[in-house]
Amino acid sequence: MCQGGECLPLVEYYRDEDSDGWGREYSYLSFVCWDSVWAVAPEYPYTSIQCGDCNDDSWYIYPGAPEICCNGEDENCNGIEDDPAECTFTLTYLAGAGGFLSGATSQSLTCNETGSEVTAVPDTGYHFVDWSDGSTQNPRSDGNLTADLTVTANFALNT
C-alpha cells in the first residue's frame, strides 16, 4: 500500500482473540489457518502474524506453550492432554536406619496413575514409626502426582 510516495508492505494478520501471539486454527490439529486480513498494521483482533492456536479462548494455550500437567488440557497444541513426555513423575521410597523396604522403591507415574505398594519392614529390635511426609500408612502407595515425590521410612529402636 502506497501513500504520499511511501510504500508499506501488506502483512497477513490472523485473528488472535486471546492475545497470546498465535492466530486461530481452522480445524484442531489440521494446521489450516483462516480468518485473516491483509493490512499494513495490526488491528485487534487481527494482531498475529503466525497461526496454529488450538484454543483461541485461552492465552496460555498455543503451539509450544509449556504443558501444565494433570489438568486435562493440551496447552502446547500437540494433540496430547497432559503429555506423558512432560508429565511423568518419579516416586522414590527410601528406608532410614533400622529397616528396609519391600516393593518397587523407584516408580515412574503419569497423571492419574497410582504406584505399586511399598512396605516399610523394621529390622529385628526396631519398629516402623512413620514416613518423612508424616504418613503412618504402611504399606503405602501413592498416586495422582503433580511433581516428583521422595519419602523415607523412619524406624525406631524398640524400648
N, C-alpha and C. Protein backbone atom coordinates (compact mmCIF):
# COMPACT_ATOMS: atom_id res chain seq x y z
N MET A 1 0.86 -1.15 0.00
CA MET A 1 0.00 0.00 0.00
C MET A 1 0.91 1.23 0.00
N CYS A 2 0.61 2.13 -0.89
CA CYS A 2 1.43 3.34 -1.01
C CYS A 2 0.61 4.57 -0.68
N GLN A 3 1.26 5.50 0.00
CA GLN A 3 0.59 6.74 0.36
C GLN A 3 1.66 7.83 0.49
N GLY A 4 1.48 8.93 -0.24
CA GLY A 4 2.42 10.04 -0.17
C GLY A 4 3.82 9.67 -0.62
N GLY A 5 3.94 8.77 -1.56
CA GLY A 5 5.24 8.37 -2.07
C GLY A 5 5.93 7.30 -1.24
N GLU A 6 5.34 6.93 -0.11
CA GLU A 6 5.92 5.90 0.74
C GLU A 6 5.07 4.64 0.63
N CYS A 7 5.73 3.54 0.36
CA CYS A 7 5.01 2.27 0.23
C CYS A 7 5.29 1.37 1.43
N LEU A 8 4.24 0.84 1.99
CA LEU A 8 4.34 -0.10 3.11
C LEU A 8 3.84 -1.46 2.66
N PRO A 9 4.54 -2.50 3.02
CA PRO A 9 4.10 -3.83 2.59
C PRO A 9 2.84 -4.26 3.35
N LEU A 10 2.03 -5.02 2.68
CA LEU A 10 0.87 -5.62 3.33
C LEU A 10 1.33 -6.89 4.06
N VAL A 11 0.79 -7.08 5.23
CA VAL A 11 1.12 -8.25 6.05
C VAL A 11 -0.17 -8.99 6.34
N GLU A 12 -0.10 -10.32 6.35
CA GLU A 12 -1.28 -11.10 6.70
C GLU A 12 -1.34 -11.24 8.22
N TYR A 13 -2.41 -10.72 8.81
CA TYR A 13 -2.63 -10.80 10.25
C TYR A 13 -3.78 -11.76 10.52
N TYR A 14 -3.57 -12.66 11.50
CA TYR A 14 -4.57 -13.65 11.87
C TYR A 14 -5.33 -13.20 13.11
N ARG A 15 -6.58 -13.62 13.19
CA ARG A 15 -7.41 -13.31 14.37
C ARG A 15 -6.82 -13.99 15.59
N ASP A 16 -6.57 -13.21 16.64
CA ASP A 16 -5.98 -13.71 17.89
C ASP A 16 -6.82 -13.19 19.04
N GLU A 17 -7.92 -13.85 19.33
CA GLU A 17 -8.87 -13.40 20.35
C GLU A 17 -8.28 -13.35 21.75
N ASP A 18 -7.35 -14.28 22.06
CA ASP A 18 -6.82 -14.34 23.42
C ASP A 18 -5.49 -13.60 23.58
N SER A 19 -5.02 -12.96 22.51
CA SER A 19 -3.80 -12.14 22.54
C SER A 19 -2.57 -12.88 23.03
N ASP A 20 -2.44 -14.15 22.63
CA ASP A 20 -1.26 -14.93 23.02
C ASP A 20 -0.18 -14.94 21.94
N GLY A 21 -0.42 -14.20 20.85
CA GLY A 21 0.56 -14.14 19.77
C GLY A 21 0.37 -15.19 18.71
N TRP A 22 -0.69 -15.99 18.85
CA TRP A 22 -0.98 -17.06 17.88
C TRP A 22 -2.41 -16.92 17.38
N GLY A 23 -2.56 -16.87 16.05
CA GLY A 23 -3.87 -16.81 15.45
C GLY A 23 -4.55 -18.16 15.45
N ARG A 24 -5.87 -18.12 15.37
CA ARG A 24 -6.63 -19.37 15.47
C ARG A 24 -6.41 -20.26 14.27
N GLU A 25 -6.66 -21.52 14.52
CA GLU A 25 -6.53 -22.57 13.53
C GLU A 25 -7.93 -22.96 13.09
N TYR A 26 -8.10 -23.29 11.84
CA TYR A 26 -9.42 -23.64 11.33
C TYR A 26 -9.94 -24.94 11.93
N SER A 27 -9.09 -25.96 11.94
CA SER A 27 -9.50 -27.26 12.45
C SER A 27 -8.40 -27.80 13.34
N TYR A 28 -8.77 -28.25 14.54
CA TYR A 28 -7.80 -28.73 15.52
C TYR A 28 -6.87 -29.77 14.91
N LEU A 29 -5.60 -29.53 15.01
CA LEU A 29 -4.52 -30.37 14.51
C LEU A 29 -4.46 -30.48 12.99
N SER A 30 -5.21 -29.66 12.26
CA SER A 30 -5.06 -29.68 10.81
C SER A 30 -4.06 -28.63 10.37
N PHE A 31 -3.78 -27.68 11.24
CA PHE A 31 -2.86 -26.59 10.96
C PHE A 31 -3.25 -25.82 9.69
N VAL A 32 -4.55 -25.70 9.46
CA VAL A 32 -5.07 -24.88 8.38
C VAL A 32 -5.47 -23.54 8.99
N CYS A 33 -4.84 -22.48 8.52
CA CYS A 33 -5.11 -21.18 9.10
C CYS A 33 -6.20 -20.46 8.30
N TRP A 34 -6.95 -19.67 9.01
CA TRP A 34 -8.04 -18.95 8.38
C TRP A 34 -8.32 -17.68 9.14
N ASP A 35 -9.30 -16.96 8.70
CA ASP A 35 -9.74 -15.73 9.35
C ASP A 35 -8.59 -14.76 9.52
N SER A 36 -8.10 -14.28 8.38
CA SER A 36 -7.01 -13.33 8.40
C SER A 36 -7.37 -12.13 7.52
N VAL A 37 -6.62 -11.07 7.69
CA VAL A 37 -6.76 -9.88 6.85
C VAL A 37 -5.36 -9.45 6.43
N TRP A 38 -5.30 -8.77 5.28
CA TRP A 38 -4.04 -8.18 4.83
C TRP A 38 -4.10 -6.71 5.17
N ALA A 39 -3.08 -6.24 5.87
CA ALA A 39 -3.06 -4.84 6.30
C ALA A 39 -1.62 -4.38 6.48
N VAL A 40 -1.43 -3.06 6.64
CA VAL A 40 -0.08 -2.53 6.88
C VAL A 40 0.26 -2.54 8.37
N ALA A 41 -0.74 -2.68 9.22
CA ALA A 41 -0.51 -2.71 10.66
C ALA A 41 -1.59 -3.58 11.31
N PRO A 42 -1.28 -4.17 12.48
CA PRO A 42 -2.28 -4.99 13.16
C PRO A 42 -3.40 -4.13 13.75
N GLU A 43 -4.59 -4.70 13.78
CA GLU A 43 -5.72 -4.05 14.43
C GLU A 43 -6.58 -5.15 15.05
N TYR A 44 -6.80 -5.02 16.36
CA TYR A 44 -7.50 -6.07 17.10
C TYR A 44 -8.83 -6.40 16.45
N PRO A 45 -9.13 -7.68 16.32
CA PRO A 45 -8.43 -8.86 16.84
C PRO A 45 -7.40 -9.45 15.87
N TYR A 46 -7.15 -8.79 14.75
CA TYR A 46 -6.20 -9.31 13.76
C TYR A 46 -4.80 -8.78 14.09
N THR A 47 -4.13 -9.47 15.01
CA THR A 47 -2.86 -8.96 15.54
C THR A 47 -1.69 -9.93 15.41
N SER A 48 -1.93 -11.15 15.01
CA SER A 48 -0.87 -12.15 14.99
C SER A 48 -0.40 -12.43 13.57
N ILE A 49 0.90 -12.60 13.42
CA ILE A 49 1.43 -12.94 12.09
C ILE A 49 1.71 -14.44 11.98
N GLN A 50 1.39 -15.19 13.02
CA GLN A 50 1.52 -16.65 12.99
C GLN A 50 0.20 -17.26 13.44
N CYS A 51 -0.09 -18.45 12.91
CA CYS A 51 -1.34 -19.10 13.30
C CYS A 51 -1.06 -20.53 13.73
N GLY A 52 -2.09 -21.19 14.24
CA GLY A 52 -1.97 -22.57 14.69
C GLY A 52 -2.45 -22.77 16.11
N ASP A 53 -3.06 -21.72 16.70
CA ASP A 53 -3.57 -21.82 18.07
C ASP A 53 -4.73 -22.80 18.11
N CYS A 54 -4.62 -23.85 18.92
CA CYS A 54 -5.66 -24.87 19.00
C CYS A 54 -6.79 -24.46 19.95
N ASN A 55 -6.61 -23.37 20.70
CA ASN A 55 -7.66 -22.86 21.57
C ASN A 55 -7.48 -21.35 21.69
N ASP A 56 -8.20 -20.62 20.88
CA ASP A 56 -8.01 -19.17 20.85
C ASP A 56 -8.85 -18.45 21.91
N ASP A 57 -9.33 -19.21 22.89
CA ASP A 57 -10.05 -18.61 24.02
C ASP A 57 -9.19 -18.57 25.28
N SER A 58 -8.00 -19.19 25.25
CA SER A 58 -7.14 -19.26 26.43
C SER A 58 -5.74 -18.78 26.07
N TRP A 59 -5.28 -17.72 26.73
CA TRP A 59 -3.99 -17.11 26.42
C TRP A 59 -2.81 -18.03 26.72
N TYR A 60 -2.98 -19.05 27.57
CA TYR A 60 -1.88 -19.93 27.93
C TYR A 60 -1.83 -21.19 27.07
N ILE A 61 -2.71 -21.29 26.07
CA ILE A 61 -2.72 -22.43 25.17
C ILE A 61 -2.33 -21.94 23.78
N TYR A 62 -1.19 -22.45 23.27
CA TYR A 62 -0.70 -22.11 21.94
C TYR A 62 0.42 -23.09 21.58
N PRO A 63 0.79 -23.22 20.32
CA PRO A 63 1.86 -24.15 19.94
C PRO A 63 3.15 -23.84 20.69
N GLY A 64 3.71 -24.86 21.31
CA GLY A 64 4.97 -24.70 22.03
C GLY A 64 4.84 -24.20 23.46
N ALA A 65 3.61 -23.96 23.92
CA ALA A 65 3.42 -23.50 25.30
C ALA A 65 3.85 -24.59 26.28
N PRO A 66 4.28 -24.20 27.48
CA PRO A 66 4.61 -25.23 28.47
C PRO A 66 3.36 -26.01 28.89
N GLU A 67 3.51 -27.31 28.97
CA GLU A 67 2.39 -28.17 29.38
C GLU A 67 2.17 -28.01 30.88
N ILE A 68 0.94 -27.75 31.28
CA ILE A 68 0.57 -27.72 32.69
C ILE A 68 0.03 -29.11 33.00
N CYS A 69 0.77 -29.85 33.78
CA CYS A 69 0.47 -31.26 33.97
C CYS A 69 -0.78 -31.51 34.81
N CYS A 70 -1.46 -32.56 34.43
CA CYS A 70 -2.57 -33.14 35.18
C CYS A 70 -3.80 -32.24 35.28
N ASN A 71 -4.03 -31.42 34.26
CA ASN A 71 -5.24 -30.59 34.27
C ASN A 71 -6.20 -30.96 33.14
N GLY A 72 -5.87 -31.99 32.36
CA GLY A 72 -6.76 -32.45 31.30
C GLY A 72 -6.79 -31.55 30.09
N GLU A 73 -5.79 -30.67 29.91
CA GLU A 73 -5.76 -29.78 28.75
C GLU A 73 -4.48 -30.00 27.95
N ASP A 74 -4.53 -29.59 26.70
CA ASP A 74 -3.39 -29.67 25.80
C ASP A 74 -2.86 -28.27 25.57
N GLU A 75 -2.02 -27.78 26.46
CA GLU A 75 -1.53 -26.40 26.36
C GLU A 75 -0.62 -26.16 25.17
N ASN A 76 0.16 -27.16 24.75
CA ASN A 76 1.14 -26.94 23.69
C ASN A 76 0.64 -27.32 22.29
N CYS A 77 -0.64 -27.62 22.19
CA CYS A 77 -1.29 -27.89 20.89
C CYS A 77 -0.65 -29.04 20.11
N ASN A 78 -0.16 -30.06 20.81
CA ASN A 78 0.40 -31.21 20.11
C ASN A 78 -0.60 -32.36 20.03
N GLY A 79 -1.83 -32.14 20.51
CA GLY A 79 -2.87 -33.16 20.42
C GLY A 79 -2.89 -34.13 21.58
N ILE A 80 -2.04 -33.93 22.60
CA ILE A 80 -1.96 -34.85 23.73
C ILE A 80 -2.21 -34.08 25.02
N GLU A 81 -3.31 -34.40 25.70
CA GLU A 81 -3.58 -33.79 27.01
C GLU A 81 -2.62 -34.38 28.03
N ASP A 82 -2.08 -33.54 28.90
CA ASP A 82 -1.16 -33.99 29.95
C ASP A 82 -0.09 -34.92 29.37
N ASP A 83 0.62 -34.43 28.40
CA ASP A 83 1.62 -35.17 27.63
C ASP A 83 2.57 -35.94 28.54
N PRO A 84 2.57 -37.30 28.45
CA PRO A 84 3.46 -38.10 29.29
C PRO A 84 4.94 -37.74 29.11
N ALA A 85 5.31 -37.20 27.94
CA ALA A 85 6.70 -36.80 27.73
C ALA A 85 7.09 -35.68 28.68
N GLU A 86 6.12 -34.87 29.09
CA GLU A 86 6.38 -33.76 30.00
C GLU A 86 5.77 -33.97 31.39
N CYS A 87 4.87 -34.93 31.51
CA CYS A 87 4.13 -35.12 32.76
C CYS A 87 4.33 -36.50 33.35
N THR A 88 5.58 -36.92 33.46
CA THR A 88 5.91 -38.17 34.13
C THR A 88 6.72 -37.82 35.37
N PHE A 89 6.33 -38.40 36.49
CA PHE A 89 6.93 -38.05 37.77
C PHE A 89 7.58 -39.28 38.40
N THR A 90 8.64 -39.04 39.16
CA THR A 90 9.36 -40.12 39.83
C THR A 90 8.94 -40.19 41.28
N LEU A 91 8.57 -41.38 41.68
CA LEU A 91 8.18 -41.67 43.05
C LEU A 91 9.30 -42.52 43.65
N THR A 92 9.94 -42.01 44.71
CA THR A 92 11.09 -42.69 45.30
C THR A 92 10.84 -42.95 46.78
N TYR A 93 11.01 -44.20 47.17
CA TYR A 93 10.88 -44.60 48.58
C TYR A 93 12.27 -44.96 49.10
N LEU A 94 12.61 -44.43 50.27
CA LEU A 94 13.89 -44.73 50.91
C LEU A 94 13.64 -45.29 52.30
N ALA A 95 14.60 -46.07 52.81
CA ALA A 95 14.50 -46.62 54.16
C ALA A 95 15.55 -45.96 55.05
N GLY A 96 15.10 -45.49 56.19
CA GLY A 96 16.03 -44.95 57.18
C GLY A 96 16.70 -46.08 57.94
N ALA A 97 17.57 -45.72 58.88
CA ALA A 97 18.28 -46.72 59.69
C ALA A 97 17.28 -47.54 60.50
N GLY A 98 17.51 -48.85 60.55
CA GLY A 98 16.69 -49.73 61.36
C GLY A 98 15.64 -50.48 60.58
N GLY A 99 15.71 -50.45 59.26
CA GLY A 99 14.72 -51.18 58.48
C GLY A 99 15.05 -51.19 57.00
N PHE A 100 14.17 -51.80 56.25
CA PHE A 100 14.33 -51.88 54.80
C PHE A 100 12.95 -51.82 54.15
N LEU A 101 12.92 -51.75 52.85
CA LEU A 101 11.65 -51.65 52.11
C LEU A 101 11.42 -52.89 51.28
N SER A 102 10.16 -53.24 51.14
CA SER A 102 9.75 -54.33 50.27
C SER A 102 8.85 -53.72 49.20
N GLY A 103 9.19 -53.96 47.94
CA GLY A 103 8.41 -53.40 46.83
C GLY A 103 9.29 -52.54 45.95
N ALA A 104 8.70 -52.01 44.90
CA ALA A 104 9.43 -51.17 43.94
C ALA A 104 9.71 -49.81 44.58
N THR A 105 10.97 -49.52 44.81
CA THR A 105 11.34 -48.29 45.52
C THR A 105 11.50 -47.08 44.60
N SER A 106 11.55 -47.30 43.31
CA SER A 106 11.58 -46.20 42.34
C SER A 106 10.53 -46.49 41.27
N GLN A 107 9.58 -45.58 41.12
CA GLN A 107 8.47 -45.78 40.18
C GLN A 107 8.26 -44.52 39.35
N SER A 108 7.89 -44.69 38.10
CA SER A 108 7.56 -43.57 37.22
C SER A 108 6.06 -43.58 36.98
N LEU A 109 5.42 -42.44 37.26
CA LEU A 109 3.97 -42.33 37.12
C LEU A 109 3.61 -41.14 36.26
N THR A 110 2.54 -41.28 35.50
CA THR A 110 1.97 -40.14 34.78
C THR A 110 0.72 -39.69 35.55
N CYS A 111 0.08 -38.67 35.06
CA CYS A 111 -1.11 -38.12 35.72
C CYS A 111 -2.15 -39.21 35.97
N ASN A 112 -2.78 -39.15 37.11
CA ASN A 112 -3.88 -40.04 37.48
C ASN A 112 -3.49 -41.50 37.64
N GLU A 113 -2.20 -41.80 37.68
CA GLU A 113 -1.76 -43.17 37.95
C GLU A 113 -1.44 -43.31 39.43
N THR A 114 -1.58 -44.54 39.92
CA THR A 114 -1.20 -44.86 41.30
C THR A 114 -0.09 -45.90 41.23
N GLY A 115 0.94 -45.69 42.04
CA GLY A 115 2.07 -46.61 42.06
C GLY A 115 1.75 -47.90 42.79
N SER A 116 2.69 -48.82 42.73
CA SER A 116 2.52 -50.10 43.42
C SER A 116 2.88 -49.94 44.90
N GLU A 117 2.38 -50.85 45.69
CA GLU A 117 2.54 -50.80 47.15
C GLU A 117 3.99 -51.04 47.58
N VAL A 118 4.42 -50.28 48.59
CA VAL A 118 5.73 -50.45 49.20
C VAL A 118 5.51 -50.61 50.70
N THR A 119 6.24 -51.55 51.30
CA THR A 119 6.11 -51.82 52.74
C THR A 119 7.42 -51.51 53.44
N ALA A 120 7.32 -50.76 54.53
CA ALA A 120 8.47 -50.50 55.39
C ALA A 120 8.58 -51.65 56.39
N VAL A 121 9.71 -52.35 56.37
CA VAL A 121 9.89 -53.54 57.21
C VAL A 121 11.00 -53.25 58.22
N PRO A 122 10.68 -53.26 59.51
CA PRO A 122 11.71 -52.97 60.52
C PRO A 122 12.66 -54.15 60.70
N ASP A 123 13.91 -53.82 61.01
CA ASP A 123 14.88 -54.84 61.39
C ASP A 123 14.50 -55.37 62.77
N THR A 124 15.07 -56.51 63.16
CA THR A 124 14.84 -57.06 64.48
C THR A 124 15.25 -56.02 65.53
N GLY A 125 14.35 -55.79 66.48
CA GLY A 125 14.61 -54.84 67.54
C GLY A 125 14.17 -53.42 67.22
N TYR A 126 13.59 -53.21 66.04
CA TYR A 126 13.10 -51.89 65.63
C TYR A 126 11.62 -51.97 65.28
N HIS A 127 10.97 -50.82 65.21
CA HIS A 127 9.58 -50.75 64.74
C HIS A 127 9.44 -49.56 63.78
N PHE A 128 8.46 -49.69 62.90
CA PHE A 128 8.18 -48.61 61.96
C PHE A 128 7.50 -47.47 62.71
N VAL A 129 7.93 -46.22 62.46
CA VAL A 129 7.36 -45.04 63.10
C VAL A 129 6.44 -44.31 62.13
N ASP A 130 6.99 -43.84 61.04
CA ASP A 130 6.22 -43.10 60.04
C ASP A 130 7.10 -42.85 58.82
N TRP A 131 6.51 -42.16 57.84
CA TRP A 131 7.24 -41.74 56.66
C TRP A 131 7.62 -40.27 56.85
N SER A 132 8.60 -39.82 56.11
CA SER A 132 9.10 -38.45 56.27
C SER A 132 8.06 -37.38 55.94
N ASP A 133 6.99 -37.74 55.26
CA ASP A 133 5.92 -36.77 54.97
C ASP A 133 4.81 -36.82 56.03
N GLY A 134 5.03 -37.58 57.11
CA GLY A 134 4.07 -37.64 58.20
C GLY A 134 3.07 -38.77 58.11
N SER A 135 3.02 -39.45 56.99
CA SER A 135 2.08 -40.55 56.83
C SER A 135 2.50 -41.74 57.70
N THR A 136 1.51 -42.42 58.27
CA THR A 136 1.78 -43.64 59.03
C THR A 136 1.25 -44.87 58.30
N GLN A 137 0.77 -44.67 57.10
CA GLN A 137 0.24 -45.78 56.30
C GLN A 137 1.37 -46.73 55.93
N ASN A 138 1.20 -48.00 56.25
CA ASN A 138 2.21 -48.99 55.94
C ASN A 138 1.53 -50.35 55.79
N PRO A 139 1.51 -50.92 54.61
CA PRO A 139 2.17 -50.46 53.39
C PRO A 139 1.48 -49.21 52.82
N ARG A 140 2.14 -48.60 51.84
CA ARG A 140 1.58 -47.40 51.22
C ARG A 140 1.78 -47.44 49.72
N SER A 141 0.91 -46.73 49.03
CA SER A 141 1.07 -46.49 47.59
C SER A 141 0.64 -45.05 47.36
N ASP A 142 1.27 -44.41 46.43
CA ASP A 142 0.98 -43.00 46.15
C ASP A 142 0.58 -42.85 44.70
N GLY A 143 -0.18 -41.81 44.43
CA GLY A 143 -0.62 -41.55 43.06
C GLY A 143 -1.08 -40.13 42.89
N ASN A 144 -1.57 -39.86 41.67
CA ASN A 144 -2.04 -38.52 41.29
C ASN A 144 -0.99 -37.46 41.58
N LEU A 145 0.25 -37.76 41.23
CA LEU A 145 1.35 -36.83 41.48
C LEU A 145 1.30 -35.66 40.52
N THR A 146 1.78 -34.52 40.97
CA THR A 146 1.96 -33.35 40.09
C THR A 146 3.41 -32.89 40.14
N ALA A 147 4.25 -33.64 40.86
CA ALA A 147 5.69 -33.38 40.95
C ALA A 147 6.35 -34.66 41.46
N ASP A 148 7.68 -34.73 41.35
CA ASP A 148 8.41 -35.87 41.90
C ASP A 148 8.17 -35.93 43.41
N LEU A 149 8.18 -37.15 43.95
CA LEU A 149 7.98 -37.33 45.38
C LEU A 149 9.00 -38.33 45.92
N THR A 150 9.68 -37.95 46.99
CA THR A 150 10.61 -38.84 47.68
C THR A 150 10.23 -38.86 49.15
N VAL A 151 10.04 -40.05 49.70
CA VAL A 151 9.73 -40.20 51.13
C VAL A 151 10.64 -41.27 51.73
N THR A 152 10.93 -41.09 53.00
CA THR A 152 11.80 -42.01 53.73
C THR A 152 11.03 -42.65 54.87
N ALA A 153 11.17 -43.96 55.01
CA ALA A 153 10.56 -44.68 56.13
C ALA A 153 11.44 -44.47 57.35
N ASN A 154 10.81 -44.06 58.46
CA ASN A 154 11.53 -43.85 59.71
C ASN A 154 11.26 -45.02 60.65
N PHE A 155 12.32 -45.48 61.30
CA PHE A 155 12.23 -46.59 62.24
C PHE A 155 12.82 -46.15 63.57
N ALA A 156 12.40 -46.81 64.64
CA ALA A 156 12.94 -46.50 65.97
C ALA A 156 13.25 -47.81 66.70
N LEU A 157 14.23 -47.72 67.57
CA LEU A 157 14.63 -48.87 68.37
C LEU A 157 13.53 -49.18 69.38
N ASN A 158 13.20 -50.45 69.49
CA ASN A 158 12.20 -50.87 70.50
C ASN A 158 12.76 -50.57 71.89
N THR A 159 11.89 -50.16 72.77
CA THR A 159 12.35 -49.89 74.14
C THR A 159 11.69 -50.81 75.13
